[in-house]
C-alpha cells in the first residue's frame, strides 16, 4: 500500500510539473513583462526611500549647524 502512495505522489508531481511547464510556455511573454514591471517598481521604491533618508539627514545636519 505504501508503494502505491509513492507512485501516486510521483504521478501527481509529474502532472503538476507538466502543467506548470505548459502554462509558462503559453504565458512566457506576459510573465516576463510583469517581472520587469515589478522589478522597476521595487527599484523606484528603494530609490525613493534612500533619497528620502538623505533629505532627512541633510535637514538634521542643517538644524545642528
N, C-alpha and C. Protein backbone atom coordinates (compact mmCIF):
# COMPACT_ATOMS: atom_id res chain seq x y z
N UNK A 1 0.82 -1.20 0.00
CA UNK A 1 0.00 0.00 0.00
C UNK A 1 0.86 1.26 0.00
N UNK A 2 1.95 1.25 0.77
CA UNK A 2 2.84 2.41 0.83
C UNK A 2 3.48 2.66 -0.53
N UNK A 3 3.82 1.57 -1.23
CA UNK A 3 4.42 1.69 -2.55
C UNK A 3 3.47 2.38 -3.52
N UNK A 4 2.17 2.09 -3.41
CA UNK A 4 1.17 2.70 -4.27
C UNK A 4 1.08 4.20 -4.02
N UNK A 5 1.19 4.61 -2.76
CA UNK A 5 1.16 6.04 -2.43
C UNK A 5 2.36 6.75 -3.03
N UNK A 6 3.50 6.10 -3.00
CA UNK A 6 4.70 6.68 -3.58
C UNK A 6 4.55 6.92 -5.07
N UNK A 7 4.01 5.91 -5.77
CA UNK A 7 3.78 6.06 -7.20
C UNK A 7 2.75 7.13 -7.50
N UNK A 8 1.71 7.19 -6.66
CA UNK A 8 0.68 8.21 -6.85
C UNK A 8 1.27 9.60 -6.69
N UNK A 9 2.10 9.78 -5.67
CA UNK A 9 2.74 11.08 -5.45
C UNK A 9 3.65 11.44 -6.62
N UNK A 10 4.36 10.45 -7.14
CA UNK A 10 5.23 10.68 -8.29
C UNK A 10 4.44 11.12 -9.51
N UNK A 11 3.32 10.45 -9.77
CA UNK A 11 2.49 10.80 -10.92
C UNK A 11 1.86 12.18 -10.76
N UNK A 12 1.40 12.49 -9.56
CA UNK A 12 0.81 13.81 -9.33
C UNK A 12 1.87 14.88 -9.52
N UNK A 13 3.07 14.65 -9.01
CA UNK A 13 4.17 15.60 -9.19
C UNK A 13 4.52 15.80 -10.65
N UNK A 14 4.53 14.72 -11.41
CA UNK A 14 4.83 14.81 -12.84
C UNK A 14 3.75 15.59 -13.58
N UNK A 15 2.50 15.37 -13.21
CA UNK A 15 1.39 16.09 -13.86
C UNK A 15 1.45 17.58 -13.52
N UNK A 16 1.74 17.90 -12.26
CA UNK A 16 1.85 19.31 -11.87
C UNK A 16 3.03 19.98 -12.58
N UNK A 17 4.13 19.28 -12.69
CA UNK A 17 5.29 19.82 -13.40
C UNK A 17 4.99 20.07 -14.86
N UNK A 18 4.32 19.13 -15.49
CA UNK A 18 3.95 19.29 -16.90
C UNK A 18 2.99 20.45 -17.08
N UNK A 19 2.01 20.57 -16.18
CA UNK A 19 1.04 21.67 -16.27
C UNK A 19 1.74 23.01 -16.08
N UNK A 20 2.65 23.10 -15.13
CA UNK A 20 3.38 24.35 -14.89
C UNK A 20 4.23 24.71 -16.10
N UNK A 21 4.85 23.73 -16.72
CA UNK A 21 5.68 23.98 -17.90
C UNK A 21 4.84 24.49 -19.05
N UNK A 22 3.70 23.86 -19.28
CA UNK A 22 2.81 24.29 -20.36
C UNK A 22 2.30 25.70 -20.10
N UNK A 23 1.90 25.98 -18.87
CA UNK A 23 1.42 27.32 -18.52
C UNK A 23 2.51 28.36 -18.77
N UNK A 24 3.73 28.08 -18.32
CA UNK A 24 4.84 29.02 -18.51
C UNK A 24 5.10 29.25 -20.00
N UNK A 25 5.11 28.18 -20.78
CA UNK A 25 5.41 28.33 -22.21
C UNK A 25 4.33 29.14 -22.93
N UNK A 26 3.08 29.00 -22.50
CA UNK A 26 2.00 29.74 -23.13
C UNK A 26 1.94 31.19 -22.67
N UNK A 27 2.47 31.50 -21.50
CA UNK A 27 2.38 32.84 -20.94
C UNK A 27 3.74 33.46 -20.68
N UNK A 28 4.75 33.00 -21.36
CA UNK A 28 6.12 33.43 -21.08
C UNK A 28 6.29 34.94 -21.26
N UNK A 29 5.79 35.50 -22.35
CA UNK A 29 5.99 36.92 -22.61
C UNK A 29 5.28 37.77 -21.55
N UNK A 30 4.07 37.40 -21.21
CA UNK A 30 3.34 38.15 -20.18
C UNK A 30 4.02 38.08 -18.83
N UNK A 31 4.57 36.94 -18.50
CA UNK A 31 5.27 36.77 -17.23
C UNK A 31 6.54 37.61 -17.20
N UNK A 32 7.24 37.67 -18.31
CA UNK A 32 8.46 38.48 -18.38
C UNK A 32 8.12 39.96 -18.22
N UNK A 33 7.03 40.39 -18.84
CA UNK A 33 6.61 41.78 -18.74
C UNK A 33 6.26 42.14 -17.30
N UNK A 34 5.50 41.28 -16.64
CA UNK A 34 5.15 41.53 -15.25
C UNK A 34 6.38 41.53 -14.36
N UNK A 35 7.32 40.64 -14.62
CA UNK A 35 8.55 40.58 -13.84
C UNK A 35 9.31 41.90 -13.97
N UNK A 36 9.41 42.41 -15.20
CA UNK A 36 10.12 43.68 -15.41
C UNK A 36 9.42 44.82 -14.68
N UNK A 37 8.10 44.83 -14.72
CA UNK A 37 7.35 45.89 -14.02
C UNK A 37 7.58 45.85 -12.52
N UNK A 38 7.51 44.67 -11.95
CA UNK A 38 7.71 44.53 -10.50
C UNK A 38 9.13 44.96 -10.13
N UNK A 39 10.07 44.55 -10.94
CA UNK A 39 11.47 44.90 -10.67
C UNK A 39 11.70 46.41 -10.75
N UNK A 40 11.13 47.05 -11.76
CA UNK A 40 11.28 48.50 -11.91
C UNK A 40 10.60 49.23 -10.75
N UNK A 41 9.43 48.75 -10.36
CA UNK A 41 8.71 49.38 -9.26
C UNK A 41 9.48 49.24 -7.95
N UNK A 42 10.05 48.08 -7.70
CA UNK A 42 10.81 47.89 -6.47
C UNK A 42 12.06 48.76 -6.46
N UNK A 43 12.69 48.94 -7.60
CA UNK A 43 13.85 49.83 -7.68
C UNK A 43 13.47 51.27 -7.36
N UNK A 44 12.30 51.71 -7.91
CA UNK A 44 11.84 53.07 -7.63
C UNK A 44 11.57 53.26 -6.14
N UNK A 45 10.96 52.26 -5.52
CA UNK A 45 10.65 52.35 -4.09
C UNK A 45 11.94 52.46 -3.28
N UNK A 46 12.92 51.64 -3.60
CA UNK A 46 14.20 51.69 -2.87
C UNK A 46 14.88 53.04 -3.10
N UNK A 47 14.88 53.52 -4.34
CA UNK A 47 15.49 54.82 -4.63
C UNK A 47 14.79 55.94 -3.86
N UNK A 48 13.47 55.91 -3.85
CA UNK A 48 12.71 56.93 -3.11
C UNK A 48 13.01 56.87 -1.62
N UNK A 49 13.13 55.68 -1.09
CA UNK A 49 13.44 55.51 0.33
C UNK A 49 14.81 56.07 0.66
N UNK A 50 15.78 55.75 -0.17
CA UNK A 50 17.15 56.24 0.06
C UNK A 50 17.20 57.76 -0.09
N UNK A 51 16.55 58.30 -1.12
CA UNK A 51 16.55 59.75 -1.31
C UNK A 51 15.86 60.45 -0.15
N UNK A 52 14.78 59.87 0.35
CA UNK A 52 14.07 60.45 1.49
C UNK A 52 14.93 60.46 2.73
N UNK A 53 15.69 59.41 2.94
CA UNK A 53 16.58 59.35 4.10
C UNK A 53 17.71 60.37 3.96
N UNK A 54 18.22 60.55 2.75
CA UNK A 54 19.26 61.55 2.52
C UNK A 54 18.74 62.94 2.85
N UNK A 55 17.53 63.23 2.43
CA UNK A 55 16.94 64.54 2.72
C UNK A 55 16.76 64.73 4.22
N UNK A 56 16.30 63.70 4.90
CA UNK A 56 16.11 63.79 6.35
C UNK A 56 17.44 64.04 7.06
N UNK A 57 18.48 63.34 6.63
CA UNK A 57 19.80 63.51 7.24
C UNK A 57 20.31 64.92 6.99
N UNK A 58 20.15 65.42 5.77
CA UNK A 58 20.62 66.78 5.45
C UNK A 58 19.87 67.82 6.28
N UNK A 59 18.58 67.63 6.46
CA UNK A 59 17.80 68.56 7.29
C UNK A 59 18.27 68.53 8.74
N UNK A 60 18.55 67.36 9.25
CA UNK A 60 19.03 67.24 10.63
C UNK A 60 20.40 67.92 10.79
N UNK A 61 21.28 67.74 9.80
CA UNK A 61 22.60 68.35 9.86
C UNK A 61 22.51 69.87 9.76
N UNK A 62 21.62 70.37 8.91
CA UNK A 62 21.43 71.82 8.79
C UNK A 62 20.88 72.41 10.08
N UNK A 63 20.05 71.67 10.76
CA UNK A 63 19.46 72.14 12.02
C UNK A 63 20.48 72.20 13.13
N UNK A 64 21.52 71.38 13.07
CA UNK A 64 22.54 71.37 14.11
C UNK A 64 23.56 72.47 13.92
N UNK A 65 23.74 72.91 12.68
CA UNK A 65 24.81 73.85 12.38
C UNK A 65 24.48 75.25 12.58
